[in-house]
């Protein structure tokens, strides 16, 4: 067993605020994030952002359930602390950097699933979850910008 860590990035033709708003609209995540089966806000912070959020995600190998406590530096960072769920360990977050013509979105995750995964399986999960999440964020925000 061990921690599997990865970082992925995507350029989005929108502002950091637009990306932040999409990522923190937790109730709507299942509508545009194909791997998110369910998402429920359990508590909110003083600004009304989801503080403790429960997720159900199709990680390709199996469906995982977990609860994260989010903290924010709006609109440049969404941090996550693991509260409970199917993982042994989870940490991660988004960084959002305005680039004039758009936003660079960086997703960093470090997860210990509690079992050993072979290298090819780690790459499959990485692409299925992280790669798809960022691509779908870009598509969703771009669609919102065009509307």
N, C-alpha and C. Protein backbone atom coordinates (compact mmCIF):
# COMPACT_ATOMS: atom_id res chain seq x y z
N UNK A 1 0.84 -1.17 0.00
CA UNK A 1 0.00 0.00 0.00
C UNK A 1 0.89 1.23 0.00
N UNK A 2 0.32 2.35 -0.44
CA UNK A 2 1.06 3.58 -0.46
C UNK A 2 0.21 4.71 -0.99
N UNK A 3 0.78 5.87 -0.92
CA UNK A 3 0.09 7.06 -1.40
C UNK A 3 0.40 7.23 -2.88
N UNK A 4 -0.63 7.42 -3.67
CA UNK A 4 -0.51 7.69 -5.09
C UNK A 4 -0.78 9.18 -5.28
N UNK A 5 0.21 9.89 -5.81
CA UNK A 5 0.09 11.34 -5.97
C UNK A 5 0.20 11.69 -7.45
N UNK A 6 -0.56 12.70 -7.84
CA UNK A 6 -0.52 13.16 -9.23
C UNK A 6 -0.94 14.62 -9.28
N UNK A 7 -0.46 15.29 -10.31
CA UNK A 7 -0.84 16.67 -10.60
C UNK A 7 -1.22 16.74 -12.07
N UNK A 8 -2.34 17.37 -12.34
CA UNK A 8 -2.80 17.57 -13.72
C UNK A 8 -3.19 19.03 -13.88
N UNK A 9 -3.08 19.54 -15.12
CA UNK A 9 -3.43 20.93 -15.41
C UNK A 9 -4.27 21.00 -16.67
N UNK A 10 -5.07 22.07 -16.76
CA UNK A 10 -5.83 22.35 -17.97
C UNK A 10 -5.99 23.86 -18.09
N UNK A 11 -5.96 24.34 -19.33
CA UNK A 11 -6.24 25.76 -19.62
C UNK A 11 -7.74 25.88 -19.92
N UNK A 12 -8.38 26.85 -19.29
CA UNK A 12 -9.79 27.10 -19.51
C UNK A 12 -9.94 28.53 -20.01
N UNK A 13 -10.71 28.72 -21.06
CA UNK A 13 -10.91 30.05 -21.64
C UNK A 13 -11.95 30.83 -20.85
N UNK A 14 -11.66 31.05 -19.58
CA UNK A 14 -12.56 31.78 -18.69
C UNK A 14 -11.72 32.28 -17.51
N UNK A 15 -12.33 33.09 -16.67
CA UNK A 15 -11.62 33.63 -15.51
C UNK A 15 -11.51 32.58 -14.40
N UNK A 16 -10.59 32.84 -13.48
CA UNK A 16 -10.46 31.99 -12.30
C UNK A 16 -11.77 31.98 -11.52
N UNK A 17 -12.45 33.13 -11.46
CA UNK A 17 -13.72 33.21 -10.72
C UNK A 17 -14.78 32.29 -11.35
N UNK A 18 -14.84 32.26 -12.69
CA UNK A 18 -15.81 31.39 -13.36
C UNK A 18 -15.52 29.92 -13.06
N UNK A 19 -14.24 29.55 -13.06
CA UNK A 19 -13.86 28.16 -12.74
C UNK A 19 -14.16 27.86 -11.27
N UNK A 20 -13.83 28.78 -10.39
CA UNK A 20 -14.11 28.62 -8.96
C UNK A 20 -15.61 28.42 -8.73
N UNK A 21 -16.42 29.25 -9.37
CA UNK A 21 -17.87 29.16 -9.21
C UNK A 21 -18.40 27.80 -9.66
N UNK A 22 -17.88 27.29 -10.78
CA UNK A 22 -18.33 25.98 -11.28
C UNK A 22 -17.92 24.87 -10.32
N UNK A 23 -16.68 24.92 -9.83
CA UNK A 23 -16.18 23.87 -8.95
C UNK A 23 -16.83 23.86 -7.58
N UNK A 24 -17.35 25.00 -7.14
CA UNK A 24 -17.95 25.07 -5.81
C UNK A 24 -19.48 25.02 -5.86
N UNK A 25 -20.05 24.82 -7.02
CA UNK A 25 -21.50 24.60 -7.15
C UNK A 25 -21.73 23.09 -7.01
N UNK A 26 -21.52 22.60 -5.79
CA UNK A 26 -21.47 21.16 -5.54
C UNK A 26 -22.75 20.42 -5.93
N UNK A 27 -23.87 21.03 -5.70
CA UNK A 27 -25.13 20.36 -6.02
C UNK A 27 -25.26 20.06 -7.51
N UNK A 28 -24.60 20.84 -8.35
CA UNK A 28 -24.69 20.64 -9.80
C UNK A 28 -23.55 19.81 -10.38
N UNK A 29 -22.55 19.46 -9.58
CA UNK A 29 -21.42 18.68 -10.10
C UNK A 29 -21.86 17.41 -10.84
N UNK A 30 -22.81 16.63 -10.31
CA UNK A 30 -23.19 15.40 -11.03
C UNK A 30 -23.79 15.67 -12.42
N UNK A 31 -24.24 16.89 -12.68
CA UNK A 31 -24.82 17.21 -13.99
C UNK A 31 -23.75 17.30 -15.08
N UNK A 32 -22.51 17.66 -14.71
CA UNK A 32 -21.48 17.84 -15.74
C UNK A 32 -20.18 17.09 -15.48
N UNK A 33 -20.01 16.55 -14.29
CA UNK A 33 -18.86 15.71 -13.99
C UNK A 33 -19.33 14.25 -14.07
N UNK A 34 -18.98 13.56 -15.16
CA UNK A 34 -19.54 12.24 -15.42
C UNK A 34 -19.15 11.19 -14.38
N UNK A 35 -18.06 11.36 -13.68
CA UNK A 35 -17.65 10.39 -12.66
C UNK A 35 -18.32 10.64 -11.31
N UNK A 36 -18.88 11.84 -11.10
CA UNK A 36 -19.53 12.15 -9.84
C UNK A 36 -20.97 11.65 -9.90
N UNK A 37 -21.26 10.66 -9.09
CA UNK A 37 -22.60 10.08 -9.05
C UNK A 37 -23.53 10.88 -8.14
N UNK A 38 -22.96 11.41 -7.04
CA UNK A 38 -23.75 12.20 -6.09
C UNK A 38 -22.82 13.13 -5.33
N UNK A 39 -23.35 14.26 -4.92
CA UNK A 39 -22.58 15.24 -4.17
C UNK A 39 -23.56 15.99 -3.27
N UNK A 40 -23.25 16.01 -1.97
CA UNK A 40 -24.18 16.62 -1.03
C UNK A 40 -23.42 17.51 -0.05
N UNK A 41 -23.85 18.76 0.07
CA UNK A 41 -23.25 19.70 1.01
C UNK A 41 -23.84 19.42 2.39
N UNK A 42 -22.96 19.12 3.35
CA UNK A 42 -23.40 18.82 4.71
C UNK A 42 -23.38 20.06 5.60
N UNK A 43 -22.46 21.00 5.30
CA UNK A 43 -22.40 22.26 6.06
C UNK A 43 -21.76 23.32 5.17
N UNK A 44 -21.97 24.57 5.53
CA UNK A 44 -21.46 25.71 4.75
C UNK A 44 -20.65 26.64 5.64
N UNK A 45 -19.70 27.36 5.01
CA UNK A 45 -18.90 28.35 5.74
C UNK A 45 -19.66 29.68 5.79
N UNK A 46 -19.01 30.69 6.34
CA UNK A 46 -19.65 32.00 6.50
C UNK A 46 -20.02 32.66 5.17
N UNK A 47 -19.29 32.34 4.10
CA UNK A 47 -19.58 32.92 2.78
C UNK A 47 -20.62 32.10 2.01
N UNK A 48 -21.07 31.00 2.59
CA UNK A 48 -22.07 30.17 1.93
C UNK A 48 -21.49 29.05 1.07
N UNK A 49 -20.16 28.94 1.03
CA UNK A 49 -19.53 27.86 0.27
C UNK A 49 -19.65 26.54 1.04
N UNK A 50 -19.69 25.44 0.30
CA UNK A 50 -19.73 24.14 0.93
C UNK A 50 -18.50 23.93 1.79
N UNK A 51 -18.70 23.62 3.06
CA UNK A 51 -17.57 23.36 3.96
C UNK A 51 -17.30 21.86 4.01
N UNK A 52 -18.27 21.10 4.51
CA UNK A 52 -18.17 19.65 4.52
C UNK A 52 -19.05 19.11 3.40
N UNK A 53 -18.43 18.36 2.49
CA UNK A 53 -19.13 17.90 1.30
C UNK A 53 -18.92 16.40 1.13
N UNK A 54 -20.01 15.69 0.90
CA UNK A 54 -19.99 14.24 0.72
C UNK A 54 -20.06 13.91 -0.77
N UNK A 55 -19.17 13.02 -1.21
CA UNK A 55 -19.07 12.65 -2.62
C UNK A 55 -19.29 11.16 -2.81
N UNK A 56 -19.85 10.82 -3.97
CA UNK A 56 -19.88 9.44 -4.46
C UNK A 56 -19.36 9.50 -5.88
N UNK A 57 -18.21 8.83 -6.12
CA UNK A 57 -17.50 8.95 -7.40
C UNK A 57 -17.23 7.57 -7.99
N UNK A 58 -17.48 7.45 -9.28
CA UNK A 58 -17.13 6.25 -10.02
C UNK A 58 -15.66 6.36 -10.39
N UNK A 59 -14.81 5.64 -9.67
CA UNK A 59 -13.36 5.70 -9.89
C UNK A 59 -12.91 4.63 -10.88
N UNK A 60 -13.81 4.12 -11.64
CA UNK A 60 -13.61 3.12 -12.69
C UNK A 60 -13.41 1.73 -12.12
N UNK A 61 -12.56 1.58 -11.11
CA UNK A 61 -12.36 0.28 -10.48
C UNK A 61 -13.58 -0.05 -9.62
N UNK A 62 -14.07 0.97 -8.90
CA UNK A 62 -15.25 0.82 -8.06
C UNK A 62 -15.76 2.21 -7.70
N UNK A 63 -16.96 2.25 -7.16
CA UNK A 63 -17.52 3.51 -6.69
C UNK A 63 -16.98 3.77 -5.29
N UNK A 64 -16.49 5.00 -5.08
CA UNK A 64 -15.95 5.36 -3.77
C UNK A 64 -16.80 6.47 -3.17
N UNK A 65 -16.89 6.44 -1.86
CA UNK A 65 -17.64 7.44 -1.11
C UNK A 65 -16.69 8.07 -0.08
N UNK A 66 -16.78 9.38 0.04
CA UNK A 66 -15.91 10.07 0.99
C UNK A 66 -16.47 11.45 1.29
N UNK A 67 -16.01 12.03 2.41
CA UNK A 67 -16.42 13.37 2.82
C UNK A 67 -15.17 14.22 3.00
N UNK A 68 -15.21 15.41 2.40
CA UNK A 68 -14.10 16.36 2.47
C UNK A 68 -14.54 17.63 3.16
N UNK A 69 -13.61 18.26 3.86
CA UNK A 69 -13.81 19.61 4.39
C UNK A 69 -13.02 20.56 3.49
N UNK A 70 -13.73 21.49 2.87
CA UNK A 70 -13.09 22.43 1.94
C UNK A 70 -12.79 23.76 2.62
N UNK A 71 -11.69 24.35 2.19
CA UNK A 71 -11.33 25.71 2.59
C UNK A 71 -10.98 26.47 1.33
N UNK A 72 -11.15 27.76 1.36
CA UNK A 72 -11.06 28.56 0.13
C UNK A 72 -10.21 29.81 0.29
N UNK A 73 -9.52 30.15 -0.79
CA UNK A 73 -8.95 31.47 -1.03
C UNK A 73 -9.58 31.87 -2.36
N UNK A 74 -10.78 32.43 -2.30
CA UNK A 74 -11.54 32.74 -3.51
C UNK A 74 -10.88 33.86 -4.29
N UNK A 75 -10.69 33.72 -5.59
CA UNK A 75 -11.02 32.60 -6.45
C UNK A 75 -9.82 31.74 -6.85
N UNK A 76 -8.75 31.73 -6.05
CA UNK A 76 -7.51 31.10 -6.51
C UNK A 76 -7.22 29.72 -5.95
N UNK A 77 -7.94 29.28 -4.92
CA UNK A 77 -7.62 27.98 -4.32
C UNK A 77 -8.83 27.35 -3.65
N UNK A 78 -8.94 26.04 -3.84
CA UNK A 78 -9.92 25.23 -3.13
C UNK A 78 -9.14 24.09 -2.50
N UNK A 79 -9.00 24.11 -1.19
CA UNK A 79 -8.28 23.06 -0.47
C UNK A 79 -9.25 22.03 0.06
N UNK A 80 -8.74 20.83 0.29
CA UNK A 80 -9.59 19.75 0.76
C UNK A 80 -8.88 18.95 1.84
N UNK A 81 -9.57 18.72 2.95
CA UNK A 81 -9.07 17.85 4.01
C UNK A 81 -10.02 16.67 4.12
N UNK A 82 -9.47 15.50 4.23
CA UNK A 82 -10.24 14.26 4.28
C UNK A 82 -10.86 14.07 5.67
N UNK A 83 -12.17 13.85 5.71
CA UNK A 83 -12.85 13.60 6.97
C UNK A 83 -13.14 12.12 7.19
N UNK A 84 -13.69 11.46 6.16
CA UNK A 84 -13.99 10.04 6.28
C UNK A 84 -14.33 9.48 4.91
N UNK A 85 -14.34 8.15 4.83
CA UNK A 85 -14.74 7.52 3.59
C UNK A 85 -13.97 6.26 3.27
N UNK A 86 -13.94 5.92 1.99
CA UNK A 86 -13.38 4.66 1.53
C UNK A 86 -11.86 4.66 1.38
N UNK A 87 -11.20 5.80 1.55
CA UNK A 87 -9.75 5.87 1.42
C UNK A 87 -9.09 5.75 2.78
N UNK A 88 -7.83 5.35 2.76
CA UNK A 88 -7.02 5.37 3.98
C UNK A 88 -6.52 6.80 4.22
N UNK A 89 -6.21 7.49 3.11
CA UNK A 89 -5.71 8.87 3.18
C UNK A 89 -6.11 9.60 1.89
N UNK A 90 -6.41 10.89 2.02
CA UNK A 90 -6.75 11.71 0.86
C UNK A 90 -6.34 13.13 1.17
N UNK A 91 -5.68 13.78 0.23
CA UNK A 91 -5.45 15.22 0.31
C UNK A 91 -5.37 15.75 -1.11
N UNK A 92 -5.75 16.98 -1.25
CA UNK A 92 -5.70 17.54 -2.60
C UNK A 92 -6.36 18.89 -2.66
N UNK A 93 -6.41 19.41 -3.88
CA UNK A 93 -7.05 20.68 -4.07
C UNK A 93 -6.80 21.24 -5.46
N UNK A 94 -7.48 22.33 -5.71
CA UNK A 94 -7.37 23.05 -6.98
C UNK A 94 -6.67 24.38 -6.76
N UNK A 95 -5.82 24.75 -7.72
CA UNK A 95 -5.26 26.09 -7.79
C UNK A 95 -5.71 26.68 -9.10
N UNK A 96 -6.14 27.94 -9.07
CA UNK A 96 -6.70 28.62 -10.23
C UNK A 96 -5.93 29.91 -10.46
N UNK A 97 -5.29 30.01 -11.63
CA UNK A 97 -4.45 31.17 -11.92
C UNK A 97 -4.92 31.86 -13.19
N UNK A 98 -5.39 33.11 -13.05
CA UNK A 98 -5.76 33.89 -14.23
C UNK A 98 -4.53 34.10 -15.10
N UNK A 99 -4.73 33.95 -16.42
CA UNK A 99 -3.62 34.09 -17.36
C UNK A 99 -3.93 35.12 -18.45
N UNK A 100 -4.82 36.04 -18.18
CA UNK A 100 -5.16 37.05 -19.19
C UNK A 100 -6.19 36.56 -20.18
N UNK A 101 -5.86 35.52 -20.91
CA UNK A 101 -6.81 34.97 -21.89
C UNK A 101 -7.60 33.79 -21.34
N UNK A 102 -7.34 33.45 -20.10
CA UNK A 102 -8.04 32.33 -19.49
C UNK A 102 -7.45 32.01 -18.13
N UNK A 103 -7.68 30.79 -17.72
CA UNK A 103 -7.27 30.37 -16.39
C UNK A 103 -6.54 29.03 -16.49
N UNK A 104 -5.43 28.91 -15.78
CA UNK A 104 -4.75 27.63 -15.64
C UNK A 104 -5.29 26.98 -14.37
N UNK A 105 -5.90 25.82 -14.52
CA UNK A 105 -6.45 25.07 -13.40
C UNK A 105 -5.53 23.90 -13.11
N UNK A 106 -5.03 23.83 -11.89
CA UNK A 106 -4.14 22.74 -11.48
C UNK A 106 -4.85 21.93 -10.40
N UNK A 107 -4.92 20.63 -10.61
CA UNK A 107 -5.51 19.69 -9.65
C UNK A 107 -4.40 18.82 -9.11
N UNK A 108 -4.24 18.83 -7.79
CA UNK A 108 -3.25 17.98 -7.12
C UNK A 108 -3.99 17.03 -6.19
N UNK A 109 -3.66 15.74 -6.29
CA UNK A 109 -4.25 14.74 -5.41
C UNK A 109 -3.17 13.81 -4.89
N UNK A 110 -3.34 13.39 -3.65
CA UNK A 110 -2.52 12.33 -3.05
C UNK A 110 -3.50 11.43 -2.31
N UNK A 111 -3.58 10.18 -2.75
CA UNK A 111 -4.59 9.26 -2.22
C UNK A 111 -3.93 7.94 -1.86
N UNK A 112 -4.29 7.42 -0.69
CA UNK A 112 -3.94 6.05 -0.32
C UNK A 112 -5.26 5.28 -0.29
N UNK A 113 -5.50 4.44 -1.30
CA UNK A 113 -6.77 3.71 -1.35
C UNK A 113 -6.85 2.56 -0.36
N UNK A 114 -5.76 2.29 0.34
CA UNK A 114 -5.78 1.20 1.30
C UNK A 114 -5.45 -0.15 0.69
N UNK A 115 -5.09 -0.15 -0.59
CA UNK A 115 -4.68 -1.38 -1.26
C UNK A 115 -3.66 -1.03 -2.33
N UNK A 116 -2.86 -2.02 -2.69
CA UNK A 116 -1.82 -1.78 -3.69
C UNK A 116 -2.41 -1.89 -5.09
N UNK A 117 -2.13 -0.89 -5.92
CA UNK A 117 -2.58 -0.90 -7.30
C UNK A 117 -1.38 -1.03 -8.23
N UNK A 118 -1.46 -1.90 -9.24
CA UNK A 118 -0.37 -1.98 -10.21
C UNK A 118 -0.27 -0.68 -11.02
N UNK A 119 0.95 -0.37 -11.49
CA UNK A 119 1.20 0.86 -12.24
C UNK A 119 0.22 1.15 -13.35
N UNK A 120 -0.11 0.17 -14.22
CA UNK A 120 -1.08 0.45 -15.28
C UNK A 120 -2.45 0.85 -14.73
N UNK A 121 -2.85 0.26 -13.60
CA UNK A 121 -4.15 0.61 -13.01
C UNK A 121 -4.13 2.02 -12.46
N UNK A 122 -3.01 2.44 -11.88
CA UNK A 122 -2.87 3.81 -11.36
C UNK A 122 -3.04 4.80 -12.51
N UNK A 123 -2.43 4.52 -13.66
CA UNK A 123 -2.54 5.41 -14.82
C UNK A 123 -3.99 5.46 -15.32
N UNK A 124 -4.67 4.34 -15.32
CA UNK A 124 -6.07 4.29 -15.77
C UNK A 124 -6.94 5.14 -14.85
N UNK A 125 -6.77 4.96 -13.55
CA UNK A 125 -7.57 5.73 -12.58
C UNK A 125 -7.23 7.21 -12.69
N UNK A 126 -5.95 7.54 -12.82
CA UNK A 126 -5.51 8.93 -12.96
C UNK A 126 -6.20 9.59 -14.15
N UNK A 127 -6.18 8.93 -15.29
CA UNK A 127 -6.81 9.50 -16.48
C UNK A 127 -8.33 9.53 -16.36
N UNK A 128 -8.91 8.45 -15.84
CA UNK A 128 -10.37 8.36 -15.74
C UNK A 128 -10.93 9.39 -14.79
N UNK A 129 -10.25 9.65 -13.70
CA UNK A 129 -10.78 10.57 -12.69
C UNK A 129 -10.24 11.98 -12.89
N UNK A 130 -8.93 12.16 -12.79
CA UNK A 130 -8.35 13.50 -12.87
C UNK A 130 -8.44 14.09 -14.27
N UNK A 131 -8.02 13.34 -15.26
CA UNK A 131 -8.04 13.85 -16.64
C UNK A 131 -9.43 14.20 -17.10
N UNK A 132 -10.36 13.32 -16.84
CA UNK A 132 -11.74 13.57 -17.25
C UNK A 132 -12.34 14.74 -16.47
N UNK A 133 -12.06 14.83 -15.17
CA UNK A 133 -12.60 15.93 -14.36
C UNK A 133 -12.18 17.28 -14.92
N UNK A 134 -10.90 17.41 -15.28
CA UNK A 134 -10.41 18.69 -15.81
C UNK A 134 -10.96 18.97 -17.20
N UNK A 135 -11.03 17.97 -18.05
CA UNK A 135 -11.59 18.17 -19.39
C UNK A 135 -13.06 18.57 -19.29
N UNK A 136 -13.79 17.94 -18.40
CA UNK A 136 -15.21 18.28 -18.26
C UNK A 136 -15.40 19.65 -17.62
N UNK A 137 -14.49 20.06 -16.74
CA UNK A 137 -14.54 21.43 -16.21
C UNK A 137 -14.39 22.42 -17.35
N UNK A 138 -13.39 22.20 -18.19
CA UNK A 138 -13.15 23.11 -19.32
C UNK A 138 -14.39 23.19 -20.22
N UNK A 139 -14.97 22.05 -20.57
CA UNK A 139 -16.16 22.03 -21.42
C UNK A 139 -17.34 22.75 -20.76
N UNK A 140 -17.54 22.49 -19.47
CA UNK A 140 -18.67 23.09 -18.75
C UNK A 140 -18.55 24.61 -18.66
N UNK A 141 -17.38 25.08 -18.26
CA UNK A 141 -17.18 26.52 -18.10
C UNK A 141 -17.24 27.22 -19.46
N UNK A 142 -16.67 26.61 -20.48
CA UNK A 142 -16.74 27.20 -21.82
C UNK A 142 -18.19 27.29 -22.29
N UNK A 143 -18.99 26.28 -22.01
CA UNK A 143 -20.42 26.31 -22.37
C UNK A 143 -21.14 27.43 -21.64
N UNK A 144 -20.83 27.61 -20.35
CA UNK A 144 -21.44 28.69 -19.57
C UNK A 144 -21.05 30.05 -20.13
N UNK A 145 -19.79 30.20 -20.58
CA UNK A 145 -19.32 31.47 -21.13
C UNK A 145 -20.03 31.82 -22.44
N UNK A 146 -20.37 30.78 -23.21
CA UNK A 146 -21.02 31.01 -24.50
C UNK A 146 -22.50 31.34 -24.34
N UNK A 147 -23.07 30.96 -23.23
CA UNK A 147 -24.52 31.17 -23.00
C UNK A 147 -24.85 32.63 -22.73
